[in-house]
């Protein structure tokens, strides 16, 4: 297999979707934009609030917990259509509804 390079995404509910990484520096926590992220063949990449994430900007309306929306996750050589489940704003882990690891 070949490596996959995650570059960002698009969704109809926001103006932008940016690939970001969470970092804490000098007591200040926040997100920094990443140009892209290469995922090795066979590796698993988990997007999570305090790690690598896709940040939505310019939302059309507030996100509502337990609802979902479609997103196109973009890679250097294509894209994947996914459904995103909205969780509590203080969630640090994702639910396993609809899938198992």
Protein backbone atom coordinates (compact mmCIF):
# COMPACT_ATOMS: atom_id res chain seq x y z
CA UNK A 1 0.00 0.00 0.00
CA UNK A 2 0.88 3.63 -0.31
CA UNK A 3 0.85 6.35 2.34
CA UNK A 4 -2.21 8.59 2.45
CA UNK A 5 -1.78 12.35 2.90
CA UNK A 6 -4.65 14.06 4.73
CA UNK A 7 -4.98 17.67 3.58
CA UNK A 8 -8.29 18.94 5.04
CA UNK A 9 -11.93 18.76 4.15
CA UNK A 10 -15.14 20.48 3.11
CA UNK A 11 -18.69 20.51 4.45
CA UNK A 12 -21.90 22.29 3.59
CA UNK A 13 -22.38 23.58 7.16
CA UNK A 14 -19.18 25.65 7.40
CA UNK A 15 -17.07 28.01 5.29
CA UNK A 16 -13.86 26.09 5.96
CA UNK A 17 -12.39 22.87 7.32
CA UNK A 18 -8.75 23.10 8.42
CA UNK A 19 -6.40 20.33 9.52
CA UNK A 20 -5.04 21.34 12.95
CA UNK A 21 -3.02 19.99 15.87
CA UNK A 22 -3.68 20.78 19.53
CA UNK A 23 -0.73 22.10 21.46
CA UNK A 24 -0.07 23.55 24.89
CA UNK A 25 2.78 26.01 25.14
CA UNK A 26 3.72 28.31 28.03
CA UNK A 27 0.40 27.61 29.74
CA UNK A 28 -1.64 28.50 26.65
CA UNK A 29 -3.52 25.78 24.80
CA UNK A 30 -4.82 26.05 21.27
CA UNK A 31 -4.76 24.75 17.73
CA UNK A 32 -2.13 25.31 15.07
CA UNK A 33 -2.82 24.71 11.39
CA UNK A 34 -1.06 21.80 9.70
CA UNK A 35 -0.31 21.88 5.96
CA UNK A 36 -1.02 18.13 5.68
CA UNK A 37 -0.48 14.85 7.51
CA UNK A 38 0.96 11.69 5.99
CA UNK A 39 -0.47 8.42 7.30
CA UNK A 40 1.66 5.31 6.78
CA UNK A 41 0.15 2.29 5.01
CA UNK A 42 -1.77 0.13 7.49
CA UNK A 43 -1.62 2.80 10.22
CA UNK A 44 -4.70 4.12 12.01
CA UNK A 45 -5.23 7.87 12.40
CA UNK A 46 -7.68 8.99 15.07
CA UNK A 47 -8.94 12.55 14.94
CA UNK A 48 -9.62 13.85 18.45
CA UNK A 49 -10.09 17.17 20.29
CA UNK A 50 -6.71 17.13 22.08
CA UNK A 51 -4.69 15.79 19.16
CA UNK A 52 -5.00 16.13 15.40
CA UNK A 53 -8.44 17.39 14.35
CA UNK A 54 -10.42 19.01 11.56
CA UNK A 55 -11.45 22.51 12.69
CA UNK A 56 -14.67 23.98 11.26
CA UNK A 57 -14.75 27.75 10.67
CA UNK A 58 -17.62 30.00 9.64
CA UNK A 59 -20.40 27.68 10.81
CA UNK A 60 -23.82 28.43 9.30
CA UNK A 61 -25.52 27.57 12.63
CA UNK A 62 -24.49 26.27 16.06
CA UNK A 63 -23.66 22.57 16.28
CA UNK A 64 -26.30 20.53 18.13
CA UNK A 65 -25.22 17.59 20.28
CA UNK A 66 -26.33 14.15 18.98
CA UNK A 67 -27.00 15.45 15.45
CA UNK A 68 -24.74 14.64 12.51
CA UNK A 69 -23.56 16.17 9.23
CA UNK A 70 -21.74 15.10 6.10
CA UNK A 71 -18.12 16.00 5.44
CA UNK A 72 -15.74 15.31 2.58
CA UNK A 73 -12.32 14.48 4.01
CA UNK A 74 -9.66 15.44 1.47
CA UNK A 75 -6.49 13.53 0.72
CA UNK A 76 -3.72 14.35 -1.74
CA UNK A 77 -5.03 11.60 -4.05
CA UNK A 78 -8.79 11.75 -3.55
CA UNK A 79 -11.42 12.12 -0.86
CA UNK A 80 -13.70 10.16 1.46
CA UNK A 81 -17.30 11.05 2.31
CA UNK A 82 -17.96 10.64 6.03
CA UNK A 83 -20.77 11.30 8.50
CA UNK A 84 -19.69 13.27 11.58
CA UNK A 85 -21.55 12.68 14.86
CA UNK A 86 -21.73 15.82 17.04
CA UNK A 87 -20.77 15.10 20.63
CA UNK A 88 -20.74 17.22 23.80
CA UNK A 89 -18.46 20.26 23.59
CA UNK A 90 -16.44 18.92 26.52
CA UNK A 91 -16.03 15.41 25.05
CA UNK A 92 -12.46 14.15 25.01
CA UNK A 93 -13.18 10.70 23.55
CA UNK A 94 -15.53 9.65 20.76
CA UNK A 95 -18.50 7.37 21.20
CA UNK A 96 -18.47 3.93 19.63
CA UNK A 97 -22.02 4.15 18.32
CA UNK A 98 -22.22 2.48 14.93
CA UNK A 99 -18.71 1.06 14.98
CA UNK A 100 -16.20 -0.97 17.01
CA UNK A 101 -12.42 -0.93 17.19
